[in-house]
Protein backbone atom coordinates (compact mmCIF):
# COMPACT_ATOMS: atom_id res chain seq x y z
CA MET A 1 24.18 -25.36 -13.88
CA ALA A 2 22.01 -24.48 -10.88
CA ARG A 3 20.18 -27.33 -9.20
CA ASN A 4 16.44 -26.74 -9.12
CA ILE A 5 15.22 -26.84 -5.53
CA GLY A 6 11.50 -27.19 -4.97
CA LEU A 7 8.75 -28.94 -3.08
CA ASP A 8 10.66 -32.21 -2.93
CA ASP A 9 13.28 -30.43 -0.85
CA GLY A 10 10.70 -29.08 1.59
CA ILE A 11 11.66 -25.52 0.69
CA ASP A 12 9.40 -22.53 0.07
CA VAL A 13 11.16 -21.31 -3.06
CA ALA A 14 9.36 -17.97 -3.24
CA GLU A 15 10.35 -17.20 0.34
CA ARG A 16 13.93 -18.27 -0.29
CA ILE A 17 14.03 -15.93 -3.27
CA ARG A 18 12.83 -13.03 -1.10
CA VAL A 19 15.44 -13.73 1.58
CA GLU A 20 18.38 -14.06 -0.80
CA ALA A 21 17.28 -11.11 -2.92
CA ALA A 22 17.01 -8.86 0.14
CA GLU A 23 20.59 -9.74 1.07
CA LEU A 24 21.83 -9.02 -2.44
CA PHE A 25 19.85 -5.79 -2.81
CA HIS A 26 21.14 -4.57 0.55
CA HIS A 27 24.82 -5.49 0.16
CA ARG A 28 25.33 -5.27 -3.60
CA GLY A 29 22.65 -2.75 -4.52
CA TYR A 30 19.34 -3.18 -6.30
CA GLY A 31 20.64 -1.79 -9.57
CA SER A 32 23.72 -4.04 -9.54
CA THR A 33 21.82 -7.27 -8.79
CA THR A 34 20.48 -9.36 -11.65
CA ILE A 35 17.83 -12.05 -11.79
CA ARG A 36 20.62 -14.51 -12.48
CA ASP A 37 22.46 -13.38 -9.33
CA ILE A 38 19.36 -14.06 -7.26
CA ALA A 39 18.73 -17.43 -8.90
CA GLU A 40 22.30 -18.53 -8.25
CA ALA A 41 22.11 -17.44 -4.61
CA VAL A 42 18.91 -19.45 -4.15
CA GLY A 43 20.20 -22.47 -6.04
CA ILE A 44 17.69 -22.47 -8.88
CA SER A 45 17.76 -21.78 -12.58
CA SER A 46 16.72 -18.42 -14.00
CA SER A 47 13.71 -20.09 -15.64
CA THR A 48 12.54 -21.32 -12.24
CA MET A 49 13.07 -17.82 -10.89
CA TYR A 50 10.74 -16.44 -13.56
CA HIS A 51 8.15 -19.03 -12.59
CA HIS A 52 7.83 -17.28 -9.23
CA TYR A 53 8.46 -13.63 -10.13
CA ARG A 54 8.15 -11.85 -13.47
CA ASN A 55 11.07 -9.52 -12.88
CA LYS A 56 13.36 -7.96 -10.29
CA GLN A 57 10.85 -5.25 -9.46
CA ASP A 58 8.28 -7.87 -8.50
CA VAL A 59 10.82 -9.48 -6.18
CA LEU A 60 11.38 -6.14 -4.44
CA PHE A 61 7.63 -5.66 -4.14
CA ALA A 62 7.23 -9.15 -2.68
CA ILE A 63 9.92 -8.42 -0.09
CA SER A 64 8.22 -5.15 0.83
CA ARG A 65 4.70 -6.57 0.96
CA GLN A 66 5.65 -9.64 3.01
CA PHE A 67 7.58 -7.57 5.52
CA MET A 68 4.70 -5.14 5.95
CA ALA A 69 2.15 -7.95 6.20
CA ASP A 70 4.14 -9.66 8.96
CA PHE A 71 4.88 -6.35 10.69
CA ASN A 72 1.24 -5.24 10.67
CA ALA A 73 -0.05 -8.62 11.80
CA ALA A 74 2.15 -8.43 14.89
CA LEU A 75 1.79 -4.71 15.68
CA LEU A 76 -1.89 -4.18 14.95
CA ALA A 77 -2.83 -7.04 17.27
CA VAL A 78 -1.07 -5.21 20.10
CA LEU A 79 -2.27 -1.71 19.26
CA ARG A 80 -5.92 -2.71 18.79
CA ASP A 81 -6.24 -4.82 21.92
CA GLY A 82 -8.99 -2.80 23.59
CA ALA A 83 -8.87 -4.95 26.72
CA ARG A 84 -5.53 -3.37 27.69
CA PRO A 85 -4.73 0.24 28.74
CA PRO A 86 -3.52 2.36 25.81
CA GLY A 87 -0.24 3.18 27.55
CA ASP A 88 0.62 -0.51 27.86
CA ARG A 89 -0.31 -1.10 24.23
CA LEU A 90 1.88 1.76 23.02
CA GLY A 91 4.86 0.66 25.10
CA ASP A 92 4.61 -2.93 23.90
CA ALA A 93 4.17 -1.76 20.31
CA ILE A 94 7.32 0.36 20.47
CA ARG A 95 9.29 -2.57 21.85
CA LEU A 96 7.92 -4.93 19.21
CA HIS A 97 8.51 -2.39 16.44
CA LEU A 98 12.17 -2.12 17.41
CA THR A 99 12.62 -5.87 17.84
CA ILE A 100 11.12 -6.75 14.45
CA SER A 101 13.04 -3.94 12.74
CA ASN A 102 16.28 -5.25 14.23
CA ASP A 103 15.58 -8.94 13.55
CA ARG A 104 14.69 -8.19 9.92
CA ARG A 105 17.01 -5.24 9.40
CA THR A 106 18.25 -6.36 5.99
CA GLU A 107 14.74 -6.53 4.58
CA LEU A 108 13.77 -3.21 6.13
CA LEU A 109 16.81 -1.35 4.85
CA THR A 110 16.29 -2.90 1.42
CA ILE A 111 12.73 -1.59 1.39
CA LEU A 112 13.65 1.87 2.64
CA GLY A 113 16.54 2.25 0.22
CA ASN A 114 14.73 1.11 -2.91
CA ARG A 115 11.18 2.46 -2.71
CA VAL A 116 11.73 4.49 -5.87
CA ALA A 117 12.22 1.25 -7.81
CA LEU A 118 8.62 0.14 -7.16
CA SER A 119 5.88 0.89 -9.66
CA PRO A 120 3.30 3.52 -8.66
CA ALA A 121 0.71 0.79 -8.01
CA GLN A 122 3.14 -1.25 -5.92
CA LEU A 123 4.17 1.79 -3.92
CA THR A 124 0.51 2.66 -3.29
CA THR A 125 -0.01 -0.81 -1.81
CA ILE A 126 2.99 -0.52 0.53
CA VAL A 127 2.09 3.01 1.61
CA GLY A 128 -1.45 1.84 2.34
CA MET A 129 -0.11 -0.89 4.62
CA GLN A 130 2.11 1.63 6.38
CA ARG A 131 -0.84 3.96 6.88
CA SER A 132 -2.81 1.16 8.55
CA TYR A 133 -0.06 0.93 11.15
CA GLN A 134 0.23 4.70 11.49
CA GLY A 135 -3.52 4.95 12.00
CA ALA A 136 -3.45 2.36 14.78
CA VAL A 137 -0.66 4.25 16.54
CA ARG A 138 -2.61 7.51 16.14
CA ASP A 139 -5.69 5.91 17.71
CA VAL A 140 -3.71 4.84 20.77
CA VAL A 141 -2.07 8.26 21.08
CA GLY A 142 -5.50 9.88 20.82
CA ALA A 143 -6.83 7.60 23.55
CA LEU A 144 -3.95 8.62 25.80
CA HIS A 145 -4.50 12.30 25.08
CA GLY A 146 -8.25 12.27 25.66
CA PRO A 147 -10.89 14.59 24.18
CA ASP A 148 -9.34 17.79 25.57
CA VAL A 149 -6.35 17.61 23.21
CA ALA A 150 -6.67 18.91 19.65
CA PRO A 151 -6.55 16.18 16.98
CA GLY A 152 -3.67 17.98 15.33
CA ASP A 153 -1.59 17.50 18.46
CA SER A 154 -2.19 13.76 18.40
CA ASP A 155 -1.27 13.63 14.71
CA LEU A 156 1.97 15.51 15.34
CA VAL A 157 2.92 13.32 18.30
CA THR A 158 2.18 10.21 16.25
CA MET A 159 4.51 11.30 13.47
CA ALA A 160 7.20 12.25 16.00
CA LEU A 161 6.92 8.81 17.63
CA LEU A 162 7.20 7.06 14.27
CA ASP A 163 10.21 9.17 13.29
CA LEU A 164 11.79 8.23 16.61
CA VAL A 165 11.43 4.46 16.27
CA ASN A 166 11.88 4.22 12.50
CA GLY A 167 15.34 5.73 12.72
CA VAL A 168 16.81 3.04 14.97
CA CYS A 169 17.43 0.56 12.15
CA GLN A 170 19.71 3.13 10.51
CA TRP A 171 22.15 3.41 13.38
CA PHE A 172 21.73 0.50 15.78
CA ASP A 173 24.81 -1.71 16.12
CA PRO A 174 24.33 -5.08 17.89
CA SER A 175 27.98 -4.94 18.98
CA GLY A 176 27.51 -1.46 20.48
CA PRO A 177 27.12 -0.52 24.14
CA LEU A 178 23.33 -1.03 24.23
CA SER A 179 21.26 -4.10 23.38
CA ILE A 180 18.07 -3.67 21.40
CA ASP A 181 16.12 -4.36 24.59
CA GLU A 182 17.95 -1.55 26.37
CA VAL A 183 17.26 0.79 23.47
CA ALA A 184 13.60 -0.22 23.63
CA ASP A 185 13.49 0.54 27.37
CA ARG A 186 14.85 4.05 26.79
CA TYR A 187 12.70 4.73 23.77
CA THR A 188 9.59 3.67 25.65
CA ARG A 189 10.36 6.23 28.33
CA MET A 190 10.97 8.88 25.67
CA ALA A 191 7.63 7.99 24.10
CA ASP A 192 5.87 8.38 27.45
CA SER A 193 7.25 11.90 27.79
CA LEU A 194 6.44 12.76 24.19
CA VAL A 195 2.83 11.59 24.45
CA ALA A 196 2.32 13.28 27.79
CA GLY A 197 3.69 16.62 26.57
CA PRO A 198 0.59 18.12 24.96
CA SER A 199 -1.62 17.04 27.88
CA ARG A 200 0.64 18.68 30.43
CA ALA A 201 0.81 21.83 28.37
CA ARG A 202 -2.93 22.46 28.61
């Protein structure tokens, strides 16, 4: 029988559930993981599990929402810092994006691989959080481009930048030839060229 952990143990049970569930969803598969599997991994009973989350879908939503909340809190502070030049903000945001994505790779891949399992309302919430980040990146790109560049160009560059950095979590190997910091250095230079492209073309 699972031992019920809780406040007396100094443990945030809901957070522990999210962490263990993300590992199980990523390595075993969302469809193959049961509420009982998650409860056993956490060290709680299934009844305690239901006290925190109604079902497996709600656990996936909680993982997705917490990741995006933490991600946005860190990235939006950088991107919206009007006291700094937009180029510096974009470079730091790219580096931070890659670092967070690498540090929390299991959560991120769980989210990306199981979006279809969310309810329409849950998915709308997550997409809205993603759009807040995308909008902040677009604002910085627009500031770098200036008023002489068509808005459509800034939109296209923004999506290209996001495609560039979002793909790293799919292939990056910590044991490979490059560290995440070295990848960030190279991607920042690529981003500089990408953002500058439309301005040079005019």
